[in-house]
Protein backbone atom coordinates (compact mmCIF):
# COMPACT_ATOMS: atom_id res chain seq x y z
CA MET A 1 -24.74 34.61 -21.16
CA SER A 2 -23.30 34.96 -17.63
CA PHE A 3 -21.52 32.27 -15.66
CA GLU A 4 -24.52 31.99 -13.32
CA ASN A 5 -26.70 30.82 -16.21
CA VAL A 6 -24.54 27.78 -17.01
CA ALA A 7 -26.43 24.79 -15.62
CA LEU A 8 -25.60 21.10 -15.43
CA ALA A 9 -28.99 19.57 -14.67
CA GLY A 10 -30.45 17.87 -17.74
CA THR A 11 -27.51 19.00 -19.85
CA SER A 12 -24.66 16.94 -21.24
CA ALA A 13 -21.15 17.50 -19.91
CA GLU A 14 -20.12 18.45 -23.44
CA VAL A 15 -22.61 21.32 -23.59
CA VAL A 16 -21.75 22.50 -20.09
CA GLY A 17 -18.05 22.40 -20.87
CA LYS A 18 -18.52 24.53 -23.98
CA GLU A 19 -20.68 27.02 -22.10
CA LEU A 20 -18.28 27.22 -19.15
CA GLN A 21 -15.08 27.51 -21.21
CA PRO A 22 -15.42 31.24 -22.03
CA PHE A 23 -15.26 32.04 -18.33
CA ILE A 24 -12.12 29.93 -17.68
CA ALA A 25 -8.61 31.08 -18.61
CA GLY A 26 -7.46 27.46 -18.48
CA LYS A 27 -8.96 24.41 -20.20
CA ILE A 28 -12.01 22.20 -19.69
CA PHE A 29 -11.94 18.49 -20.51
CA ILE A 30 -14.74 15.95 -20.75
CA GLU A 31 -14.64 12.27 -21.64
CA GLY A 32 -13.68 11.87 -25.28
CA ASP A 33 -11.30 14.83 -25.32
CA VAL A 34 -7.73 13.93 -26.23
CA GLU A 35 -6.38 15.34 -22.93
CA TYR A 36 -9.11 13.91 -20.68
CA ASP A 37 -7.48 10.55 -19.91
CA MET A 38 -4.09 12.14 -19.30
CA ALA A 39 -5.64 14.66 -16.92
CA ARG A 40 -7.40 11.99 -14.85
CA THR A 41 -4.33 9.71 -14.67
CA ILE A 42 -2.46 9.95 -11.40
CA TRP A 43 0.48 8.27 -9.63
CA ASN A 44 -1.45 5.25 -8.32
CA GLY A 45 -2.37 3.06 -11.30
CA MET A 46 -5.27 1.47 -9.38
CA ILE A 47 -7.25 4.70 -9.61
CA ASP A 48 -9.55 4.65 -12.66
CA ARG A 49 -12.24 7.24 -11.96
CA LYS A 50 -14.05 9.40 -14.48
CA PRO A 51 -15.03 12.96 -13.57
CA ALA A 52 -17.91 14.46 -15.52
CA ILE A 53 -15.86 17.61 -16.05
CA ILE A 54 -12.20 18.46 -15.49
CA VAL A 55 -11.29 22.13 -15.11
CA GLU A 56 -7.57 22.62 -15.68
CA CYS A 57 -7.06 25.93 -13.94
CA LYS A 58 -4.57 28.59 -14.95
CA ASN A 59 -4.93 30.93 -11.97
CA SER A 60 -6.79 31.56 -8.72
CA ASP A 61 -9.75 33.07 -10.55
CA ASP A 62 -10.28 29.79 -12.40
CA VAL A 63 -10.23 27.93 -9.09
CA LYS A 64 -12.75 30.34 -7.60
CA LEU A 65 -15.09 29.97 -10.55
CA ALA A 66 -14.83 26.18 -10.52
CA VAL A 67 -15.66 26.07 -6.81
CA GLU A 68 -18.59 28.45 -7.27
CA PHE A 69 -19.92 26.43 -10.20
CA ALA A 70 -19.65 23.12 -8.37
CA GLY A 71 -21.34 24.59 -5.34
CA LYS A 72 -24.18 26.00 -7.42
CA GLN A 73 -24.70 22.63 -9.13
CA GLY A 74 -24.27 20.53 -5.98
CA MET A 75 -21.44 18.60 -7.62
CA LEU A 76 -18.92 16.36 -5.91
CA VAL A 77 -15.48 17.99 -6.12
CA SER A 78 -11.98 16.55 -6.16
CA VAL A 79 -8.75 18.52 -6.28
CA LYS A 80 -5.64 17.49 -8.19
CA CYS A 81 -2.30 19.20 -7.68
CA GLY A 82 0.56 16.69 -7.93
CA GLY A 83 -1.76 13.66 -8.00
CA HIS A 84 0.68 11.68 -5.83
CA ASN A 85 -1.71 10.68 -3.04
CA VAL A 86 -1.96 6.88 -2.81
CA ALA A 87 -5.69 6.94 -2.00
CA GLY A 88 -6.40 8.71 -5.28
CA ASN A 89 -8.44 11.54 -3.74
CA ALA A 90 -7.44 13.80 -6.63
CA VAL A 91 -9.97 12.12 -8.94
CA CYS A 92 -13.72 11.77 -8.46
CA ASN A 93 -16.35 9.74 -10.28
CA GLY A 94 -19.04 11.79 -12.02
CA GLY A 95 -18.18 15.09 -10.37
CA LEU A 96 -15.94 18.05 -11.10
CA MET A 97 -12.19 17.65 -10.84
CA ILE A 98 -10.38 20.92 -10.18
CA ASP A 99 -6.91 20.44 -11.63
CA LEU A 100 -4.11 22.81 -10.55
CA SER A 101 -1.34 20.92 -12.35
CA ALA A 102 -0.90 23.71 -14.94
CA MET A 103 -0.44 26.39 -12.27
CA LYS A 104 3.36 26.54 -12.29
CA GLU A 105 4.37 30.11 -11.50
CA ILE A 106 7.36 30.44 -9.15
CA GLU A 107 8.91 33.62 -7.73
CA VAL A 108 12.14 33.34 -5.75
CA ASP A 109 13.15 36.20 -3.45
CA SER A 110 16.75 35.13 -2.86
CA GLN A 111 17.64 38.22 -0.86
CA ASN A 112 14.94 37.58 1.76
CA LYS A 113 15.09 33.78 1.37
CA LYS A 114 11.45 33.36 0.41
CA ILE A 115 9.56 31.72 -2.44
CA ARG A 116 6.01 32.02 -3.79
CA ALA A 117 4.76 29.10 -5.83
CA GLN A 118 1.40 28.20 -7.32
CA GLY A 119 -0.41 25.07 -6.20
CA GLY A 120 0.46 22.95 -9.24
CA VAL A 121 4.22 23.12 -8.72
CA LEU A 122 6.11 19.87 -8.09
CA TRP A 123 9.06 19.62 -5.71
CA GLN A 124 11.50 19.03 -8.57
CA GLU A 125 10.35 22.31 -10.11
CA LEU A 126 10.61 24.22 -6.85
CA ASP A 127 14.03 22.73 -6.05
CA LYS A 128 15.33 23.60 -9.52
CA ALA A 129 14.26 27.23 -9.05
CA THR A 130 15.73 27.61 -5.56
CA GLN A 131 18.99 25.73 -6.12
CA VAL A 132 20.04 28.39 -8.62
CA TYR A 133 20.59 30.51 -5.49
CA GLY A 134 21.85 27.70 -3.26
CA LEU A 135 18.55 27.65 -1.38
CA ALA A 136 15.89 25.08 -0.54
CA THR A 137 13.01 24.36 1.79
CA THR A 138 11.89 21.01 3.21
CA GLY A 139 10.28 19.03 0.40
CA GLY A 140 9.30 15.48 -0.40
CA THR A 141 11.65 12.58 -1.06
CA VAL A 142 10.16 11.74 -4.46
CA SER A 143 10.68 14.69 -6.76
CA ASP A 144 7.43 14.51 -8.74
CA THR A 145 5.35 14.91 -5.57
CA GLY A 146 3.29 18.11 -5.53
CA ILE A 147 4.14 20.87 -3.08
CA ALA A 148 0.45 21.28 -2.20
CA GLY A 149 -0.56 17.88 -0.88
CA LEU A 150 2.74 17.27 0.87
CA THR A 151 2.72 20.63 2.68
CA LEU A 152 -0.95 20.56 3.67
CA GLY A 153 -0.48 17.16 5.29
CA GLY A 154 2.73 18.18 7.05
CA GLY A 155 5.62 17.47 4.73
CA MET A 156 8.44 15.19 5.86
CA GLY A 157 11.71 15.49 3.96
CA TYR A 158 15.47 15.36 4.25
CA LEU A 159 15.70 18.91 5.65
CA MET A 160 13.25 18.32 8.49
CA GLY A 161 15.86 17.68 11.16
CA LYS A 162 17.54 21.00 10.49
CA HIS A 163 14.66 23.17 9.29
CA GLY A 164 11.40 21.45 10.27
CA LEU A 165 8.59 20.06 8.13
CA SER A 166 7.30 21.68 4.94
CA CYS A 167 4.36 23.10 6.87
CA ASP A 168 6.74 24.56 9.46
CA ASN A 169 8.32 26.59 6.65
CA LEU A 170 5.02 27.90 5.28
CA LEU A 171 4.86 31.67 5.72
CA SER A 172 1.54 32.38 4.06
CA ALA A 173 -0.95 31.02 1.56
CA GLU A 174 -3.84 32.02 -0.65
CA ILE A 175 -6.80 29.65 -0.35
CA VAL A 176 -10.18 29.38 -2.06
CA ILE A 177 -12.72 28.27 0.53
CA ALA A 178 -16.06 26.56 -0.07
CA SER A 179 -17.92 29.85 -0.60
CA GLY A 180 -15.62 30.65 -3.54
CA GLU A 181 -13.90 33.43 -1.61
CA LEU A 182 -10.12 33.78 -1.95
CA LEU A 183 -8.48 34.37 1.43
CA LYS A 184 -4.95 35.28 2.40
CA VAL A 185 -3.81 33.30 5.43
CA ASP A 186 -0.77 33.86 7.62
CA LYS A 187 -0.05 34.46 11.30
CA ASP A 188 -1.90 37.81 11.14
CA ASN A 189 -4.70 37.04 8.68
CA ASN A 190 -7.21 34.25 9.26
CA ALA A 191 -4.74 32.81 11.74
CA ASP A 192 -6.99 29.91 12.67
CA LEU A 193 -7.14 28.77 9.06
CA PHE A 194 -3.37 29.23 8.70
CA TRP A 195 -2.92 26.93 11.68
CA ALA A 196 -5.31 24.36 10.22
CA ILE A 197 -3.75 24.07 6.75
CA ARG A 198 -0.37 23.24 8.28
CA GLY A 199 -1.14 19.57 8.73
CA GLY A 200 -4.92 19.43 8.30
CA GLY A 201 -4.78 18.38 4.67
CA GLY A 202 -7.16 19.59 1.96
CA ASN A 203 -10.14 19.86 4.27
CA PHE A 204 -10.44 23.64 4.31
CA GLY A 205 -10.13 24.75 0.72
CA ILE A 206 -7.85 24.85 -2.29
CA VAL A 207 -4.50 26.54 -1.73
CA THR A 208 -3.58 28.30 -4.95
CA VAL A 209 -0.36 30.00 -3.76
CA PHE A 210 2.20 28.95 -1.15
CA GLU A 211 4.89 31.16 0.35
CA PHE A 212 7.80 29.34 2.02
CA SER A 213 10.92 30.36 3.88
CA LEU A 214 14.15 29.18 2.26
CA HIS A 215 17.47 28.06 3.71
CA SER A 216 21.02 27.79 2.43
CA VAL A 217 21.43 24.23 1.14
CA GLY A 218 23.88 22.71 -1.27
CA PRO A 219 24.52 22.68 -4.11
CA ASN A 220 26.19 19.46 -2.89
CA ILE A 221 25.47 17.36 0.17
CA LEU A 222 26.85 14.05 1.46
CA ALA A 223 24.46 11.13 1.05
CA GLY A 224 23.95 7.75 -0.56
CA LEU A 225 22.64 4.23 -0.18
CA ILE A 226 24.54 1.61 1.79
CA LEU A 227 23.27 -1.84 0.80
CA TYR A 228 23.58 -5.01 2.89
CA PRO A 229 22.66 -8.64 2.17
CA MET A 230 19.54 -9.89 3.90
CA ASP A 231 21.50 -12.24 6.15
CA GLN A 232 22.86 -9.13 7.88
CA ALA A 233 19.45 -7.44 8.17
CA LYS A 234 18.75 -8.04 11.85
CA GLU A 235 22.19 -7.05 13.05
CA MET A 236 22.27 -4.05 10.73
CA LEU A 237 18.93 -2.71 11.99
CA GLN A 238 19.96 -3.29 15.60
CA TYR A 239 23.22 -1.42 15.01
CA TYR A 240 21.39 1.40 13.25
CA ARG A 241 18.79 1.65 16.03
CA ASP A 242 21.42 1.68 18.78
CA ASN A 243 23.53 4.38 17.13
CA ILE A 244 21.33 6.79 15.18
CA ARG A 245 20.12 8.76 18.20
CA HIS A 246 23.73 9.43 19.20
CA THR A 247 24.45 11.26 15.94
CA SER A 248 23.88 14.89 14.97
CA SER A 249 20.30 16.00 14.22
CA GLU A 250 21.67 17.23 10.89
CA ILE A 251 21.79 13.56 9.87
CA ILE A 252 18.51 12.30 8.44
CA THR A 253 18.17 8.64 7.52
CA TYR A 254 16.04 6.20 5.66
CA THR A 255 16.47 2.53 6.39
CA GLY A 256 14.51 -0.55 5.39
CA PHE A 257 14.21 -3.12 2.65
CA LEU A 258 14.15 -3.02 -1.14
CA VAL A 259 15.05 -5.09 -4.17
CA THR A 260 17.81 -3.87 -6.46
CA PRO A 261 17.16 -3.41 -10.20
CA ASP A 262 18.91 -6.74 -10.85
CA GLY A 263 16.54 -8.55 -8.46
CA LEU A 264 18.60 -8.84 -5.27
CA PRO A 265 16.67 -8.36 -1.99
CA VAL A 266 18.67 -6.09 0.34
CA CYS A 267 18.39 -4.04 3.47
CA PHE A 268 19.83 -0.54 3.45
CA ILE A 269 20.70 2.65 5.22
CA LEU A 270 20.47 5.97 3.41
CA PRO A 271 22.29 8.53 5.57
CA THR A 272 22.16 12.20 4.65
CA TRP A 273 24.49 14.83 6.11
CA LEU A 274 23.21 18.39 5.70
CA GLY A 275 25.87 20.26 7.64
CA PRO A 276 29.22 21.61 6.42
CA LEU A 277 30.65 19.21 3.83
CA GLU A 278 34.08 19.18 5.44
CA GLU A 279 32.52 17.59 8.55
CA GLY A 280 30.47 15.01 6.69
CA GLU A 281 32.84 12.05 6.54
CA GLU A 282 33.45 12.22 10.28
CA GLN A 283 29.76 12.69 11.10
CA LEU A 284 28.65 9.69 9.03
CA ALA A 285 31.52 7.41 10.06
CA ARG A 286 29.55 5.68 12.83
CA LEU A 287 26.63 4.75 10.54
CA ARG A 288 29.01 3.54 7.82
CA SER A 289 31.12 1.29 10.03
CA PHE A 290 28.75 -1.66 10.40
CA GLY A 291 29.41 -5.05 8.82
CA THR A 292 30.35 -5.71 5.21
CA PRO A 293 28.09 -3.81 2.83
CA ILE A 294 27.47 -4.96 -0.70
CA VAL A 295 28.16 -1.40 -1.71
CA ASP A 296 28.53 1.99 0.01
CA LEU A 297 27.41 4.73 -2.37
CA VAL A 298 27.78 7.64 0.07
CA SER A 299 29.40 10.54 -1.76
CA GLU A 300 29.02 14.23 -2.48
CA ILE A 301 25.98 14.60 -4.71
CA PRO A 302 23.81 17.54 -5.80
CA TYR A 303 20.90 18.25 -3.48
CA THR A 304 18.53 17.76 -6.44
CA GLN A 305 19.94 14.26 -6.94
CA LEU A 306 19.19 13.43 -3.31
CA GLN A 307 15.63 14.65 -3.83
CA SER A 308 15.16 12.22 -6.72
CA LEU A 309 16.92 9.10 -5.39
CA PHE A 310 13.65 7.18 -4.99
CA ASP A 311 12.03 8.40 -8.23
CA SER A 312 12.91 5.34 -10.30
CA ALA A 313 11.58 3.03 -7.57
CA THR A 314 8.16 4.74 -7.52
CA PRO A 315 7.16 5.47 -11.13
CA THR A 316 3.74 6.80 -12.06
CA GLY A 317 1.26 4.14 -13.14
CA MET A 318 2.13 1.17 -10.93
CA ARG A 319 -0.70 -0.35 -8.91
CA ARG A 320 -0.33 0.55 -5.23
CA TYR A 321 -1.64 -0.13 -1.76
CA TRP A 322 -0.08 1.24 1.45
CA LYS A 323 -0.10 0.86 5.17
CA SER A 324 1.81 3.24 7.37
CA GLY A 325 2.32 4.35 10.95
CA TYR A 326 4.68 6.04 13.41
CA PHE A 327 6.94 3.95 15.63
CA THR A 328 8.85 5.41 18.55
CA GLU A 329 11.12 2.38 18.88
CA ILE A 330 12.51 -0.35 16.64
CA SER A 331 12.48 -3.34 18.99
CA ASP A 332 14.06 -6.71 18.29
CA GLU A 333 10.55 -8.17 18.12
CA LEU A 334 9.54 -5.62 15.50
CA ILE A 335 12.68 -6.27 13.47
CA ASP A 336 11.89 -9.99 13.41
CA ILE A 337 8.34 -9.30 12.17
CA PHE A 338 9.66 -7.09 9.38
CA ILE A 339 12.26 -9.58 8.19
CA ARG A 340 9.73 -12.43 8.20
CA ASN A 341 7.13 -10.50 6.21
CA VAL A 342 9.58 -8.95 3.75
CA ALA A 343 10.76 -12.45 2.87
CA LYS A 344 7.16 -13.26 1.79
CA ARG A 345 6.43 -10.14 -0.27
CA PRO A 346 4.71 -11.11 -3.53
CA SER A 347 6.14 -8.23 -5.56
CA PRO A 348 9.81 -7.28 -5.87
CA TYR A 349 8.75 -3.67 -6.47
CA SER A 350 7.51 -3.23 -2.89
CA PRO A 351 9.92 -1.39 -0.57
CA VAL A 352 9.45 -1.16 3.17
CA LEU A 353 10.85 2.11 4.53
CA PHE A 354 11.67 3.64 7.91
CA PHE A 355 12.06 7.45 7.70
CA HIS A 356 13.48 8.95 10.89
CA MET A 357 11.87 12.13 12.21
CA ARG A 358 14.13 14.05 14.56
CA GLY A 359 15.58 17.48 15.26
CA ALA A 360 13.50 20.57 14.45
CA ALA A 361 10.54 18.57 13.14
CA ALA A 362 10.42 16.51 16.33
CA ILE A 363 10.76 19.27 18.94
CA THR A 364 8.19 21.70 17.53
CA PRO A 365 5.24 21.75 19.97
CA ALA A 366 2.29 19.64 18.81
CA GLU A 367 -0.11 22.56 19.24
CA GLU A 368 1.92 24.99 17.10
CA THR A 369 0.47 23.60 13.86
CA ALA A 370 -2.26 21.12 12.98
CA PHE A 371 0.47 18.52 12.38
CA VAL A 372 0.33 16.76 15.72
CA HIS A 373 2.62 13.73 15.69
CA ARG A 374 5.91 15.24 16.76
CA GLY A 375 8.76 13.45 18.50
CA ASP A 376 11.82 11.38 17.72
CA GLN A 377 10.23 8.51 15.79
CA TRP A 378 10.09 6.63 12.51
CA ASP A 379 7.43 6.89 9.83
CA VAL A 380 7.22 3.28 8.64
CA ASP A 381 5.70 2.58 5.24
CA ILE A 382 4.73 -0.71 3.62
CA ILE A 383 4.63 0.45 0.00
CA SER A 384 3.08 -2.34 -2.03
CA GLN A 385 3.63 -1.86 -5.76
CA TRP A 386 2.88 -4.23 -8.63
CA ILE A 387 1.98 -4.15 -12.30
CA GLU A 388 -0.88 -6.47 -13.21
CA ALA A 389 -4.49 -6.15 -11.98
CA GLU A 390 -4.72 -9.90 -11.39
CA GLU A 391 -2.05 -9.47 -8.71
CA ASP A 392 -4.19 -7.03 -6.69
CA GLU A 393 -5.54 -9.51 -4.16
CA ILE A 394 -2.26 -11.19 -3.25
CA ASN A 395 -0.45 -7.87 -2.77
CA ILE A 396 -3.23 -6.19 -0.82
CA ASN A 397 -3.66 -9.24 1.43
CA TRP A 398 0.08 -9.38 2.11
CA THR A 399 0.10 -5.70 3.07
CA ARG A 400 -2.90 -6.00 5.37
CA SER A 401 -1.53 -9.10 7.07
CA PHE A 402 1.87 -7.45 7.54
CA TRP A 403 0.25 -4.32 8.96
CA LYS A 404 -1.92 -6.31 11.36
CA GLU A 405 1.23 -7.72 12.94
CA ILE A 406 2.98 -4.38 13.42
CA GLU A 407 0.00 -2.12 14.13
CA PRO A 408 0.09 -2.77 17.91
CA PHE A 409 3.55 -1.14 18.00
CA SER A 410 2.35 1.99 16.15
CA LYS A 411 1.73 5.34 17.87
CA GLY A 412 -0.11 7.29 15.19
CA VAL A 413 -0.13 7.83 11.44
CA TYR A 414 1.01 10.43 8.89
CA VAL A 415 -2.12 11.79 7.25
CA ASN A 416 -0.48 11.88 3.80
CA HIS A 417 0.05 8.11 3.93
CA LEU A 418 -3.51 6.97 4.60
CA ASP A 419 -4.98 4.74 1.91
CA SER A 420 -8.59 4.70 0.71
CA ASP A 421 -9.72 2.14 3.32
CA ASP A 422 -8.13 3.96 6.28
CA ASN A 423 -11.12 6.14 7.16
CA GLU A 424 -11.23 4.82 10.71
CA ARG A 425 -7.65 6.05 11.22
CA VAL A 426 -8.25 9.67 10.20
CA LYS A 427 -9.00 10.84 13.74
CA ASN A 428 -5.81 9.13 14.89
CA ALA A 429 -3.84 11.03 12.26
CA TYR A 430 -4.93 14.38 13.75
CA GLY A 431 -4.76 13.26 17.38
CA VAL A 432 -5.40 15.87 20.08
CA ASN A 433 -5.76 18.56 17.41
CA TYR A 434 -8.81 16.85 15.87
CA GLU A 435 -11.52 18.72 17.80
CA LYS A 436 -9.96 22.11 17.08
CA LEU A 437 -9.75 21.16 13.42
CA ARG A 438 -13.45 20.21 13.44
CA GLN A 439 -14.35 23.66 14.76
CA ILE A 440 -12.30 25.39 12.07
CA LYS A 441 -13.82 23.09 9.43
CA ARG A 442 -17.29 24.13 10.56
CA LYS A 443 -16.35 27.81 10.28
CA TYR A 444 -14.92 27.62 6.75
CA ASP A 445 -16.64 24.55 5.24
CA PRO A 446 -19.79 23.77 7.26
CA SER A 447 -21.34 21.63 4.50
CA ASN A 448 -18.16 19.54 4.07
CA PHE A 449 -17.91 20.65 0.44
CA PHE A 450 -14.25 19.58 0.45
CA ARG A 451 -14.67 15.97 1.51
CA LEU A 452 -12.58 13.94 -0.95
CA ASN A 453 -9.61 13.93 1.41
CA ASN A 454 -8.67 12.44 4.75
CA ASN A 455 -11.85 14.01 5.95
CA ILE A 456 -12.51 16.02 9.06
CA LEU A 457 -16.24 16.23 9.75
CA PRO A 458 -17.46 19.71 10.79
CA SER A 459 -18.23 19.88 14.50
């Protein structure tokens, strides 16, 4: 029997899975299989969807076949790589989930400072491979995030001030489009599609291989949390705001609010110096000179430790709901709103973060890639996290109420941080690049086959 003769209509998923398996180098799971529930479990514990079939791909050929099969059957398709997206777009109900999480091949070209990595690689895996050579590229700030989703949506990380976003470091890619064709994309091949996947999300196909430029980084950098009591929060944020833009662009900072493991609400600054270590103490002195911190943990640490600092605060399986936006200024009025709402948060697991975009990521022209929201600004995230389902309503309502107060100050949104009810904000995430993205979507995916994402409708 040929692949073309495998049909879903009127046939159980079990039968289809058995008939499709001989054509797949990877694995196929259906409900009842031991690995099925593990495969459909992702970072956000609120997501409990059940695909009819999960294809755990081993290579690009598996991805091609899965896309062709789903297209032939008219099936809804979702794509899982790292599974870290808060909206849960990696998992569909009743359709076919194409799972790249087993595609882990990595090839480091240390001499030419390049890396090729398959679409299922996580940032902790990529960083481990590159740090052997003292190299890195801009990656996420939680180490079990997938390279695929982060890069396709833009990719903010600690290296962005010095080396740009993840998508700015993408040299080429291999992508399976809706027709099942595997295309190479770079500045000379399918250049329009290469432009679109650098910030346009998963709208245009499934990237099976990424090629990034690498930079000399580490092995040690200077970074660490500086924690302050909440009664210093307003003055600390004012001091931070008034001083950060007078520091080197090689300093990247988080600031915001969290609760320590022993239950103490605090505000914090996390400064990161990515220049020569011998200059670090002097460069960070201004940010470290405010007030009386509870603790200043700034020290020389491995780059891989920096990349995983927030891992324990964002474990897989917690229930989550987000609101997010870009803010060009941190006004006194905004600071007051944040402090008032943080004091009312129903869950101690919910951090509120300001991640400062500056330097190379900020000055790259908006039209150079599909990632449009450039400029010296903060990505502000209300990251609601809790454990029990009966706490859903109170946490979601708190987040929405908080966001309603600060939304008028927002100047856009990071596409990777849109939640499942943010459909009306998708166009805002792509800004002036939206119409061009619609035209490219029509060229490569006119039927909107890839629509479980922050969706761009074909023009």
